[in-house]
Amino acid sequence: MNSAIPVLQAIPIDNYLWLSAILFSIGVAGVLMRRNAIVLLMCIELMLNAVNLLFTAFSTYLGDASGQIMVFFIMVVAAAEASVGLAILVMIYRNHKTVDVSFLDKLRG
């Protein structure tokens, strides 16, 4: 028995596809239905993590490390997005005393 086979390959790739699709769908539904900016940021992070799961699964399935390198870059972008997004939310809360994004329609031209 070969003990060098990763655990990820023991599970069929279809399961990872379904799990990633479900997580991404939950994230999209949260972005479309919620008006709280903090929940919107969390849903965007959920969508990014669904993509990361898929990249990692295909990278291991194909035996290529390029998917895992892409996951690293996505995590860096997600960290930057979260920090900038939270900074913007803090400024919005200081000025308007709410984090409801429907209140921000005054920004339209």
PDB file of N, CA and C in Angstrom:
ATOM      1  N   MET A   1       0.836  -1.173   0.000  1.00  0.00           N
ATOM      2  CA  MET A   1       0.000   0.000   0.000  1.00  0.00           C
ATOM      3  C   MET A   1       0.886   1.244   0.000  1.00  0.00           C
ATOM      4  N   ASN A   2       0.601   2.140  -0.893  1.00  0.00           N
ATOM      5  CA  ASN A   2       1.384   3.360  -1.027  1.00  0.00           C
ATOM      6  C   ASN A   2       0.853   4.419  -0.067  1.00  0.00           C
ATOM      7  N   SER A   3       1.667   4.807   0.910  1.00  0.00           N
ATOM      8  CA  SER A   3       1.218   5.797   1.891  1.00  0.00           C
ATOM      9  C   SER A   3       1.489   7.222   1.434  1.00  0.00           C
ATOM     10  N   ALA A   4       2.082   7.392   0.244  1.00  0.00           N
ATOM     11  CA  ALA A   4       2.396   8.729  -0.254  1.00  0.00           C
ATOM     12  C   ALA A   4       1.213   9.383  -0.972  1.00  0.00           C
ATOM     13  N   ILE A   5       0.122   8.636  -1.172  1.00  0.00           N
ATOM     14  CA  ILE A   5      -1.051   9.196  -1.848  1.00  0.00           C
ATOM     15  C   ILE A   5      -1.751  10.165  -0.894  1.00  0.00           C
ATOM     16  N   PRO A   6      -1.928  11.411  -1.314  1.00  0.00           N
ATOM     17  CA  PRO A   6      -2.600  12.369  -0.426  1.00  0.00           C
ATOM     18  C   PRO A   6      -4.042  11.980  -0.161  1.00  0.00           C
ATOM     19  N   VAL A   7      -4.557  12.425   0.961  1.00  0.00           N
ATOM     20  CA  VAL A   7      -5.930  12.134   1.346  1.00  0.00           C
ATOM     21  C   VAL A   7      -6.900  12.781   0.371  1.00  0.00           C
ATOM     22  N   LEU A   8      -6.515  13.916  -0.212  1.00  0.00           N
ATOM     23  CA  LEU A   8      -7.390  14.642  -1.124  1.00  0.00           C
ATOM     24  C   LEU A   8      -7.746  13.794  -2.339  1.00  0.00           C
ATOM     25  N   GLN A   9      -6.829  12.931  -2.797  1.00  0.00           N
ATOM     26  CA  GLN A   9      -7.116  12.107  -3.959  1.00  0.00           C
ATOM     27  C   GLN A   9      -7.995  10.914  -3.616  1.00  0.00           C
ATOM     28  N   ALA A  10      -8.159  10.606  -2.346  1.00  0.00           N
ATOM     29  CA  ALA A  10      -9.022   9.497  -1.959  1.00  0.00           C
ATOM     30  C   ALA A  10     -10.483   9.869  -2.127  1.00  0.00           C
ATOM     31  N   ILE A  11     -10.785  11.151  -2.102  1.00  0.00           N
ATOM     32  CA  ILE A  11     -12.153  11.629  -2.289  1.00  0.00           C
ATOM     33  C   ILE A  11     -12.312  12.016  -3.755  1.00  0.00           C
ATOM     34  N   PRO A  12     -13.389  11.598  -4.405  1.00  0.00           N
ATOM     35  CA  PRO A  12     -13.562  11.938  -5.834  1.00  0.00           C
ATOM     36  C   PRO A  12     -13.644  13.453  -6.046  1.00  0.00           C
ATOM     37  N   ILE A  13     -13.166  13.894  -7.196  1.00  0.00           N
ATOM     38  CA  ILE A  13     -13.132  15.320  -7.518  1.00  0.00           C
ATOM     39  C   ILE A  13     -14.535  15.906  -7.623  1.00  0.00           C
ATOM     40  N   ASP A  14     -15.523  15.075  -7.930  1.00  0.00           N
ATOM     41  CA  ASP A  14     -16.906  15.549  -8.026  1.00  0.00           C
ATOM     42  C   ASP A  14     -17.401  16.133  -6.703  1.00  0.00           C
ATOM     43  N   ASN A  15     -16.977  15.515  -5.592  1.00  0.00           N
ATOM     44  CA  ASN A  15     -17.395  16.028  -4.288  1.00  0.00           C
ATOM     45  C   ASN A  15     -16.860  17.437  -4.054  1.00  0.00           C
ATOM     46  N   TYR A  16     -15.632  17.681  -4.462  1.00  0.00           N
ATOM     47  CA  TYR A  16     -15.062  19.018  -4.314  1.00  0.00           C
ATOM     48  C   TYR A  16     -15.757  20.016  -5.236  1.00  0.00           C
ATOM     49  N   LEU A  17     -16.126  19.563  -6.427  1.00  0.00           N
ATOM     50  CA  LEU A  17     -16.861  20.447  -7.333  1.00  0.00           C
ATOM     51  C   LEU A  17     -18.201  20.852  -6.744  1.00  0.00           C
ATOM     52  N   TRP A  18     -18.920  19.898  -6.178  1.00  0.00           N
ATOM     53  CA  TRP A  18     -20.227  20.197  -5.597  1.00  0.00           C
ATOM     54  C   TRP A  18     -20.097  21.100  -4.373  1.00  0.00           C
ATOM     55  N   LEU A  19     -19.148  20.790  -3.505  1.00  0.00           N
ATOM     56  CA  LEU A  19     -18.958  21.600  -2.313  1.00  0.00           C
ATOM     57  C   LEU A  19     -18.576  23.030  -2.679  1.00  0.00           C
ATOM     58  N   SER A  20     -17.688  23.176  -3.637  1.00  0.00           N
ATOM     59  CA  SER A  20     -17.282  24.505  -4.069  1.00  0.00           C
ATOM     60  C   SER A  20     -18.441  25.265  -4.706  1.00  0.00           C
ATOM     61  N   ALA A  21     -19.246  24.582  -5.498  1.00  0.00           N
ATOM     62  CA  ALA A  21     -20.407  25.228  -6.121  1.00  0.00           C
ATOM     63  C   ALA A  21     -21.421  25.667  -5.077  1.00  0.00           C
ATOM     64  N   ILE A  22     -21.637  24.842  -4.061  1.00  0.00           N
ATOM     65  CA  ILE A  22     -22.579  25.197  -3.000  1.00  0.00           C
ATOM     66  C   ILE A  22     -22.074  26.401  -2.207  1.00  0.00           C
ATOM     67  N   LEU A  23     -20.785  26.390  -1.844  1.00  0.00           N
ATOM     68  CA  LEU A  23     -20.221  27.521  -1.104  1.00  0.00           C
ATOM     69  C   LEU A  23     -20.278  28.805  -1.916  1.00  0.00           C
ATOM     70  N   PHE A  24     -19.945  28.706  -3.204  1.00  0.00           N
ATOM     71  CA  PHE A  24     -19.985  29.889  -4.061  1.00  0.00           C
ATOM     72  C   PHE A  24     -21.417  30.408  -4.206  1.00  0.00           C
ATOM     73  N   SER A  25     -22.375  29.500  -4.327  1.00  0.00           N
ATOM     74  CA  SER A  25     -23.786  29.904  -4.438  1.00  0.00           C
ATOM     75  C   SER A  25     -24.290  30.583  -3.174  1.00  0.00           C
ATOM     76  N   ILE A  26     -23.869  30.082  -2.017  1.00  0.00           N
ATOM     77  CA  ILE A  26     -24.242  30.728  -0.763  1.00  0.00           C
ATOM     78  C   ILE A  26     -23.663  32.140  -0.705  1.00  0.00           C
ATOM     79  N   GLY A  27     -22.428  32.291  -1.158  1.00  0.00           N
ATOM     80  CA  GLY A  27     -21.807  33.609  -1.183  1.00  0.00           C
ATOM     81  C   GLY A  27     -22.521  34.568  -2.121  1.00  0.00           C
ATOM     82  N   VAL A  28     -22.894  34.086  -3.302  1.00  0.00           N
ATOM     83  CA  VAL A  28     -23.612  34.940  -4.258  1.00  0.00           C
ATOM     84  C   VAL A  28     -24.975  35.330  -3.703  1.00  0.00           C
ATOM     85  N   ALA A  29     -25.676  34.372  -3.103  1.00  0.00           N
ATOM     86  CA  ALA A  29     -26.985  34.674  -2.523  1.00  0.00           C
ATOM     87  C   ALA A  29     -26.855  35.699  -1.405  1.00  0.00           C
ATOM     88  N   GLY A  30     -25.815  35.595  -0.604  1.00  0.00           N
ATOM     89  CA  GLY A  30     -25.604  36.558   0.466  1.00  0.00           C
ATOM     90  C   GLY A  30     -25.313  37.949  -0.061  1.00  0.00           C
ATOM     91  N   VAL A  31     -24.537  38.040  -1.132  1.00  0.00           N
ATOM     92  CA  VAL A  31     -24.236  39.341  -1.726  1.00  0.00           C
ATOM     93  C   VAL A  31     -25.494  39.965  -2.324  1.00  0.00           C
ATOM     94  N   LEU A  32     -26.324  39.156  -2.946  1.00  0.00           N
ATOM     95  CA  LEU A  32     -27.511  39.694  -3.599  1.00  0.00           C
ATOM     96  C   LEU A  32     -28.634  40.043  -2.627  1.00  0.00           C
ATOM     97  N   MET A  33     -28.736  39.343  -1.492  1.00  0.00           N
ATOM     98  CA  MET A  33     -29.874  39.539  -0.611  1.00  0.00           C
ATOM     99  C   MET A  33     -29.594  40.426   0.589  1.00  0.00           C
ATOM    100  N   ARG A  34     -28.367  40.518   1.043  1.00  0.00           N
ATOM    101  CA  ARG A  34     -28.056  41.253   2.260  1.00  0.00           C
ATOM    102  C   ARG A  34     -27.726  42.704   1.960  1.00  0.00           C
ATOM    103  N   ARG A  35     -27.938  43.575   2.924  1.00  0.00           N
ATOM    104  CA  ARG A  35     -27.620  44.991   2.791  1.00  0.00           C
ATOM    105  C   ARG A  35     -26.570  45.438   3.798  1.00  0.00           C
ATOM    106  N   ASN A  36     -26.196  44.574   4.720  1.00  0.00           N
ATOM    107  CA  ASN A  36     -25.170  44.901   5.692  1.00  0.00           C
ATOM    108  C   ASN A  36     -23.801  44.733   5.036  1.00  0.00           C
ATOM    109  N   ALA A  37     -22.964  45.759   5.109  1.00  0.00           N
ATOM    110  CA  ALA A  37     -21.686  45.737   4.406  1.00  0.00           C
ATOM    111  C   ALA A  37     -20.732  44.694   4.978  1.00  0.00           C
ATOM    112  N   ILE A  38     -20.799  44.438   6.269  1.00  0.00           N
ATOM    113  CA  ILE A  38     -19.920  43.435   6.864  1.00  0.00           C
ATOM    114  C   ILE A  38     -20.295  42.046   6.361  1.00  0.00           C
ATOM    115  N   VAL A  39     -21.585  41.775   6.249  1.00  0.00           N
ATOM    116  CA  VAL A  39     -22.039  40.487   5.711  1.00  0.00           C
ATOM    117  C   VAL A  39     -21.647  40.369   4.235  1.00  0.00           C
ATOM    118  N   LEU A  40     -21.701  41.469   3.505  1.00  0.00           N
ATOM    119  CA  LEU A  40     -21.269  41.445   2.103  1.00  0.00           C
ATOM    120  C   LEU A  40     -19.803  41.064   1.991  1.00  0.00           C
ATOM    121  N   LEU A  41     -18.970  41.634   2.839  1.00  0.00           N
ATOM    122  CA  LEU A  41     -17.546  41.275   2.814  1.00  0.00           C
ATOM    123  C   LEU A  41     -17.333  39.814   3.167  1.00  0.00           C
ATOM    124  N   MET A  42     -18.087  39.306   4.130  1.00  0.00           N
ATOM    125  CA  MET A  42     -17.957  37.899   4.487  1.00  0.00           C
ATOM    126  C   MET A  42     -18.396  36.989   3.347  1.00  0.00           C
ATOM    127  N   CYS A  43     -19.434  37.382   2.618  1.00  0.00           N
ATOM    128  CA  CYS A  43     -19.896  36.573   1.492  1.00  0.00           C
ATOM    129  C   CYS A  43     -18.893  36.587   0.346  1.00  0.00           C
ATOM    130  N   ILE A  44     -18.251  37.723   0.136  1.00  0.00           N
ATOM    131  CA  ILE A  44     -17.201  37.789  -0.889  1.00  0.00           C
ATOM    132  C   ILE A  44     -16.037  36.892  -0.499  1.00  0.00           C
ATOM    133  N   GLU A  45     -15.679  36.884   0.781  1.00  0.00           N
ATOM    134  CA  GLU A  45     -14.616  35.992   1.251  1.00  0.00           C
ATOM    135  C   GLU A  45     -15.018  34.524   1.087  1.00  0.00           C
ATOM    136  N   LEU A  46     -16.280  34.220   1.301  1.00  0.00           N
ATOM    137  CA  LEU A  46     -16.763  32.852   1.111  1.00  0.00           C
ATOM    138  C   LEU A  46     -16.634  32.422  -0.348  1.00  0.00           C
ATOM    139  N   MET A  47     -16.945  33.336  -1.265  1.00  0.00           N
ATOM    140  CA  MET A  47     -16.799  33.014  -2.688  1.00  0.00           C
ATOM    141  C   MET A  47     -15.330  32.806  -3.048  1.00  0.00           C
ATOM    142  N   LEU A  48     -14.448  33.639  -2.513  1.00  0.00           N
ATOM    143  CA  LEU A  48     -13.024  33.461  -2.789  1.00  0.00           C
ATOM    144  C   LEU A  48     -12.506  32.140  -2.229  1.00  0.00           C
ATOM    145  N   ASN A  49     -12.984  31.753  -1.054  1.00  0.00           N
ATOM    146  CA  ASN A  49     -12.554  30.480  -0.479  1.00  0.00           C
ATOM    147  C   ASN A  49     -13.105  29.281  -1.246  1.00  0.00           C
ATOM    148  N   ALA A  50     -14.283  29.419  -1.848  1.00  0.00           N
ATOM    149  CA  ALA A  50     -14.800  28.348  -2.698  1.00  0.00           C
ATOM    150  C   ALA A  50     -13.902  28.149  -3.914  1.00  0.00           C
ATOM    151  N   VAL A  51     -13.448  29.250  -4.481  1.00  0.00           N
ATOM    152  CA  VAL A  51     -12.526  29.156  -5.621  1.00  0.00           C
ATOM    153  C   VAL A  51     -11.195  28.566  -5.176  1.00  0.00           C
ATOM    154  N   ASN A  52     -10.722  28.953  -3.988  1.00  0.00           N
ATOM    155  CA  ASN A  52      -9.474  28.384  -3.469  1.00  0.00           C
ATOM    156  C   ASN A  52      -9.577  26.874  -3.271  1.00  0.00           C
ATOM    157  N   LEU A  53     -10.719  26.422  -2.769  1.00  0.00           N
ATOM    158  CA  LEU A  53     -10.928  24.981  -2.595  1.00  0.00           C
ATOM    159  C   LEU A  53     -10.853  24.257  -3.930  1.00  0.00           C
ATOM    160  N   LEU A  54     -11.462  24.850  -4.942  1.00  0.00           N
ATOM    161  CA  LEU A  54     -11.453  24.227  -6.262  1.00  0.00           C
ATOM    162  C   LEU A  54     -10.049  24.201  -6.865  1.00  0.00           C
ATOM    163  N   PHE A  55      -9.316  25.310  -6.732  1.00  0.00           N
ATOM    164  CA  PHE A  55      -7.940  25.340  -7.226  1.00  0.00           C
ATOM    165  C   PHE A  55      -7.082  24.284  -6.540  1.00  0.00           C
ATOM    166  N   THR A  56      -7.226  24.161  -5.232  1.00  0.00           N
ATOM    167  CA  THR A  56      -6.434  23.184  -4.493  1.00  0.00           C
ATOM    168  C   THR A  56      -6.807  21.755  -4.881  1.00  0.00           C
ATOM    169  N   ALA A  57      -8.082  21.492  -5.048  1.00  0.00           N
ATOM    170  CA  ALA A  57      -8.519  20.147  -5.421  1.00  0.00           C
ATOM    171  C   ALA A  57      -7.996  19.768  -6.804  1.00  0.00           C
ATOM    172  N   PHE A  58      -8.121  20.665  -7.768  1.00  0.00           N
ATOM    173  CA  PHE A  58      -7.625  20.351  -9.107  1.00  0.00           C
ATOM    174  C   PHE A  58      -6.104  20.275  -9.144  1.00  0.00           C
ATOM    175  N   SER A  59      -5.446  21.091  -8.354  1.00  0.00           N
ATOM    176  CA  SER A  59      -3.988  21.050  -8.303  1.00  0.00           C
ATOM    177  C   SER A  59      -3.496  19.704  -7.789  1.00  0.00           C
ATOM    178  N   THR A  60      -4.132  19.207  -6.754  1.00  0.00           N
ATOM    179  CA  THR A  60      -3.747  17.910  -6.215  1.00  0.00           C
ATOM    180  C   THR A  60      -4.166  16.782  -7.154  1.00  0.00           C
ATOM    181  N   TYR A  61      -5.338  16.909  -7.749  1.00  0.00           N
ATOM    182  CA  TYR A  61      -5.833  15.874  -8.656  1.00  0.00           C
ATOM    183  C   TYR A  61      -4.934  15.733  -9.887  1.00  0.00           C
ATOM    184  N   LEU A  62      -4.458  16.855 -10.412  1.00  0.00           N
ATOM    185  CA  LEU A  62      -3.610  16.830 -11.604  1.00  0.00           C
ATOM    186  C   LEU A  62      -2.133  16.692 -11.281  1.00  0.00           C
ATOM    187  N   GLY A  63      -1.760  16.828 -10.018  1.00  0.00           N
ATOM    188  CA  GLY A  63      -0.365  16.699  -9.630  1.00  0.00           C
ATOM    189  C   GLY A  63       0.472  17.896 -10.040  1.00  0.00           C
ATOM    190  N   ASP A  64      -0.150  19.056 -10.150  1.00  0.00           N
ATOM    191  CA  ASP A  64       0.535  20.274 -10.574  1.00  0.00           C
ATOM    192  C   ASP A  64       0.427  21.303  -9.450  1.00  0.00           C
ATOM    193  N   ALA A  65       1.511  21.995  -9.156  1.00  0.00           N
ATOM    194  CA  ALA A  65       1.522  22.945  -8.044  1.00  0.00           C
ATOM    195  C   ALA A  65       1.037  24.334  -8.435  1.00  0.00           C
ATOM    196  N   SER A  66       0.724  24.554  -9.701  1.00  0.00           N
ATOM    197  CA  SER A  66       0.346  25.907 -10.119  1.00  0.00           C
ATOM    198  C   SER A  66      -0.976  26.356  -9.497  1.00  0.00           C
ATOM    199  N   GLY A  67      -1.896  25.446  -9.235  1.00  0.00           N
ATOM    200  CA  GLY A  67      -3.151  25.801  -8.583  1.00  0.00           C
ATOM    201  C   GLY A  67      -2.938  26.260  -7.154  1.00  0.00           C
ATOM    202  N   GLN A  68      -2.001  25.629  -6.468  1.00  0.00           N
ATOM    203  CA  GLN A  68      -1.714  26.026  -5.097  1.00  0.00           C
ATOM    204  C   GLN A  68      -0.998  27.361  -5.039  1.00  0.00           C
ATOM    205  N   ILE A  69      -0.208  27.669  -6.043  1.00  0.00           N
ATOM    206  CA  ILE A  69       0.425  28.986  -6.133  1.00  0.00           C
ATOM    207  C   ILE A  69      -0.644  30.046  -6.376  1.00  0.00           C
ATOM    208  N   MET A  70      -1.617  29.733  -7.206  1.00  0.00           N
ATOM    209  CA  MET A  70      -2.712  30.668  -7.459  1.00  0.00           C
ATOM    210  C   MET A  70      -3.515  30.918  -6.183  1.00  0.00           C
ATOM    211  N   VAL A  71      -3.705  29.886  -5.366  1.00  0.00           N
ATOM    212  CA  VAL A  71      -4.406  30.039  -4.092  1.00  0.00           C
ATOM    213  C   VAL A  71      -3.661  31.029  -3.200  1.00  0.00           C
ATOM    214  N   PHE A  72      -2.344  30.963  -3.197  1.00  0.00           N
ATOM    215  CA  PHE A  72      -1.555  31.904  -2.398  1.00  0.00           C
ATOM    216  C   PHE A  72      -1.826  33.340  -2.833  1.00  0.00           C
ATOM    217  N   PHE A  73      -1.841  33.593  -4.128  1.00  0.00           N
ATOM    218  CA  PHE A  73      -2.095  34.951  -4.617  1.00  0.00           C
ATOM    219  C   PHE A  73      -3.533  35.399  -4.314  1.00  0.00           C
ATOM    220  N   ILE A  74      -4.482  34.495  -4.405  1.00  0.00           N
ATOM    221  CA  ILE A  74      -5.866  34.833  -4.082  1.00  0.00           C
ATOM    222  C   ILE A  74      -5.989  35.184  -2.604  1.00  0.00           C
ATOM    223  N   MET A  75      -5.276  34.468  -1.746  1.00  0.00           N
ATOM    224  CA  MET A  75      -5.327  34.775  -0.318  1.00  0.00           C
ATOM    225  C   MET A  75      -4.722  36.144  -0.023  1.00  0.00           C
ATOM    226  N   VAL A  76      -3.673  36.520  -0.749  1.00  0.00           N
ATOM    227  CA  VAL A  76      -3.081  37.845  -0.568  1.00  0.00           C
ATOM    228  C   VAL A  76      -4.068  38.922  -1.001  1.00  0.00           C
ATOM    229  N   VAL A  77      -4.719  38.722  -2.138  1.00  0.00           N
ATOM    230  CA  VAL A  77      -5.710  39.694  -2.613  1.00  0.00           C
ATOM    231  C   VAL A  77      -6.895  39.762  -1.645  1.00  0.00           C
ATOM    232  N   ALA A  78      -7.316  38.630  -1.112  1.00  0.00           N
ATOM    233  CA  ALA A  78      -8.439  38.614  -0.167  1.00  0.00           C
ATOM    234  C   ALA A  78      -8.089  39.350   1.120  1.00  0.00           C
ATOM    235  N   ALA A  79      -6.859  39.209   1.583  1.00  0.00           N
ATOM    236  CA  ALA A  79      -6.451  39.927   2.790  1.00  0.00           C
ATOM    237  C   ALA A  79      -6.429  41.430   2.539  1.00  0.00           C
ATOM    238  N   ALA A  80      -5.935  41.837   1.376  1.00  0.00           N
ATOM    239  CA  ALA A  80      -5.922  43.265   1.045  1.00  0.00           C
ATOM    240  C   ALA A  80      -7.342  43.794   0.895  1.00  0.00           C
ATOM    241  N   GLU A  81      -8.204  43.002   0.267  1.00  0.00           N
ATOM    242  CA  GLU A  81      -9.602  43.415   0.088  1.00  0.00           C
ATOM    243  C   GLU A  81     -10.305  43.565   1.427  1.00  0.00           C
ATOM    244  N   ALA A  82     -10.041  42.650   2.351  1.00  0.00           N
ATOM    245  CA  ALA A  82     -10.680  42.725   3.661  1.00  0.00           C
ATOM    246  C   ALA A  82     -10.189  43.937   4.443  1.00  0.00           C
ATOM    247  N   SER A  83      -8.901  44.211   4.402  1.00  0.00           N
ATOM    248  CA  SER A  83      -8.384  45.341   5.170  1.00  0.00           C
ATOM    249  C   SER A  83      -8.862  46.673   4.597  1.00  0.00           C
ATOM    250  N   VAL A  84      -8.837  46.820   3.280  1.00  0.00           N
ATOM    251  CA  VAL A  84      -9.317  48.062   2.667  1.00  0.00           C
ATOM    252  C   VAL A  84     -10.827  48.196   2.848  1.00  0.00           C
ATOM    253  N   GLY A  85     -11.553  47.099   2.678  1.00  0.00           N
ATOM    254  CA  GLY A  85     -13.003  47.133   2.846  1.00  0.00           C
ATOM    255  C   GLY A  85     -13.412  47.498   4.261  1.00  0.00           C
ATOM    256  N   LEU A  86     -12.724  46.938   5.252  1.00  0.00           N
ATOM    257  CA  LEU A  86     -13.058  47.279   6.635  1.00  0.00           C
ATOM    258  C   LEU A  86     -12.685  48.719   6.964  1.00  0.00           C
ATOM    259  N   ALA A  87     -11.599  49.214   6.388  1.00  0.00           N
ATOM    260  CA  ALA A  87     -11.241  50.625   6.602  1.00  0.00           C
ATOM    261  C   ALA A  87     -12.301  51.551   6.014  1.00  0.00           C
ATOM    262  N   ILE A  88     -12.794  51.219   4.841  1.00  0.00           N
ATOM    263  CA  ILE A  88     -13.860  52.017   4.228  1.00  0.00           C
ATOM    264  C   ILE A  88     -15.125  51.940   5.073  1.00  0.00           C
ATOM    265  N   LEU A  89     -15.433  50.753   5.606  1.00  0.00           N
ATOM    266  CA  LEU A  89     -16.623  50.610   6.451  1.00  0.00           C
ATOM    267  C   LEU A  89     -16.522  51.428   7.730  1.00  0.00           C
ATOM    268  N   VAL A  90     -15.337  51.489   8.307  1.00  0.00           N
ATOM    269  CA  VAL A  90     -15.156  52.290   9.511  1.00  0.00           C
ATOM    270  C   VAL A  90     -15.412  53.766   9.204  1.00  0.00           C
ATOM    271  N   MET A  91     -14.925  54.244   8.068  1.00  0.00           N
ATOM    272  CA  MET A  91     -15.146  55.643   7.692  1.00  0.00           C
ATOM    273  C   MET A  91     -16.630  55.908   7.384  1.00  0.00           C
ATOM    274  N   ILE A  92     -17.289  54.964   6.742  1.00  0.00           N
ATOM    275  CA  ILE A  92     -18.726  55.126   6.466  1.00  0.00           C
ATOM    276  C   ILE A  92     -19.503  55.156   7.769  1.00  0.00           C
ATOM    277  N   TYR A  93     -19.148  54.280   8.714  1.00  0.00           N
ATOM    278  CA  TYR A  93     -19.857  54.253   9.990  1.00  0.00           C
ATOM    279  C   TYR A  93     -19.628  55.539  10.781  1.00  0.00           C
ATOM    280  N   ARG A  94     -18.415  56.064  10.716  1.00  0.00           N
ATOM    281  CA  ARG A  94     -18.136  57.317  11.428  1.00  0.00           C
ATOM    282  C   ARG A  94     -18.937  58.481  10.858  1.00  0.00           C
ATOM    283  N   ASN A  95     -19.134  58.494   9.548  1.00  0.00           N
ATOM    284  CA  ASN A  95     -19.843  59.609   8.924  1.00  0.00           C
ATOM    285  C   ASN A  95     -21.357  59.461   8.960  1.00  0.00           C
ATOM    286  N   HIS A  96     -21.870  58.243   8.792  1.00  0.00           N
ATOM    287  CA  HIS A  96     -23.314  58.041   8.642  1.00  0.00           C
ATOM    288  C   HIS A  96     -23.955  57.240   9.770  1.00  0.00           C
ATOM    289  N   LYS A  97     -23.164  56.682  10.676  1.00  0.00           N
ATOM    290  CA  LYS A  97     -23.653  55.881  11.806  1.00  0.00           C
ATOM    291  C   LYS A  97     -24.462  54.660  11.375  1.00  0.00           C
ATOM    292  N   THR A  98     -24.138  54.111  10.206  1.00  0.00           N
ATOM    293  CA  THR A  98     -24.766  52.879   9.730  1.00  0.00           C
ATOM    294  C   THR A  98     -23.820  52.185   8.754  1.00  0.00           C
ATOM    295  N   VAL A  99     -23.990  50.856   8.633  1.00  0.00           N
ATOM    296  CA  VAL A  99     -23.228  50.097   7.647  1.00  0.00           C
ATOM    297  C   VAL A  99     -24.158  49.489   6.598  1.00  0.00           C
ATOM    298  N   ASP A 100     -25.350  50.028   6.509  1.00  0.00           N
ATOM    299  CA  ASP A 100     -26.331  49.571   5.524  1.00  0.00           C
ATOM    300  C   ASP A 100     -25.952  50.140   4.161  1.00  0.00           C
ATOM    301  N   VAL A 101     -25.751  49.256   3.169  1.00  0.00           N
ATOM    302  CA  VAL A 101     -25.299  49.723   1.859  1.00  0.00           C
ATOM    303  C   VAL A 101     -26.406  50.377   1.053  1.00  0.00           C
ATOM    304  N   SER A 102     -27.660  50.152   1.397  1.00  0.00           N
ATOM    305  CA  SER A 102     -28.733  50.826   0.683  1.00  0.00           C
ATOM    306  C   SER A 102     -28.782  52.318   1.019  1.00  0.00           C
ATOM    307  N   PHE A 103     -28.192  52.692   2.137  1.00  0.00           N
ATOM    308  CA  PHE A 103     -28.100  54.089   2.544  1.00  0.00           C
ATOM    309  C   PHE A 103     -27.089  54.856   1.690  1.00  0.00           C
ATOM    310  N   LEU A 104     -26.204  54.140   1.030  1.00  0.00           N
ATOM    311  CA  LEU A 104     -25.123  54.769   0.280  1.00  0.00           C
ATOM    312  C   LEU A 104     -25.508  55.117  -1.153  1.00  0.00           C
ATOM    313  N   ASP A 105     -26.775  55.197  -1.474  1.00  0.00           N
ATOM    314  CA  ASP A 105     -27.167  55.525  -2.833  1.00  0.00           C
ATOM    315  C   ASP A 105     -26.949  56.995  -3.143  1.00  0.00           C
ATOM    316  N   LYS A 106     -26.593  57.791  -2.167  1.00  0.00           N
ATOM    317  CA  LYS A 106     -26.289  59.191  -2.410  1.00  0.00           C
ATOM    318  C   LYS A 106     -24.995  59.368  -3.212  1.00  0.00           C
ATOM    319  N   LEU A 107     -24.201  58.328  -3.307  1.00  0.00           N
ATOM    320  CA  LEU A 107     -22.939  58.396  -4.022  1.00  0.00           C
ATOM    321  C   LEU A 107     -23.126  58.358  -5.538  1.00  0.00           C
ATOM    322  N   ARG A 108     -24.334  58.071  -5.991  1.00  0.00           N
ATOM    323  CA  ARG A 108     -24.592  58.039  -7.430  1.00  0.00           C
ATOM    324  C   ARG A 108     -24.525  59.442  -7.996  1.00  0.00           C
ATOM    325  N   GLY A 109     -24.115  59.526  -9.280  1.00  0.00           N
ATOM    326  CA  GLY A 109     -23.937  60.805  -9.960  1.00  0.00           C
ATOM    327  C   GLY A 109     -25.160  61.587 -10.043  1.00  0.00           C
TER     328      GLY A 109
END
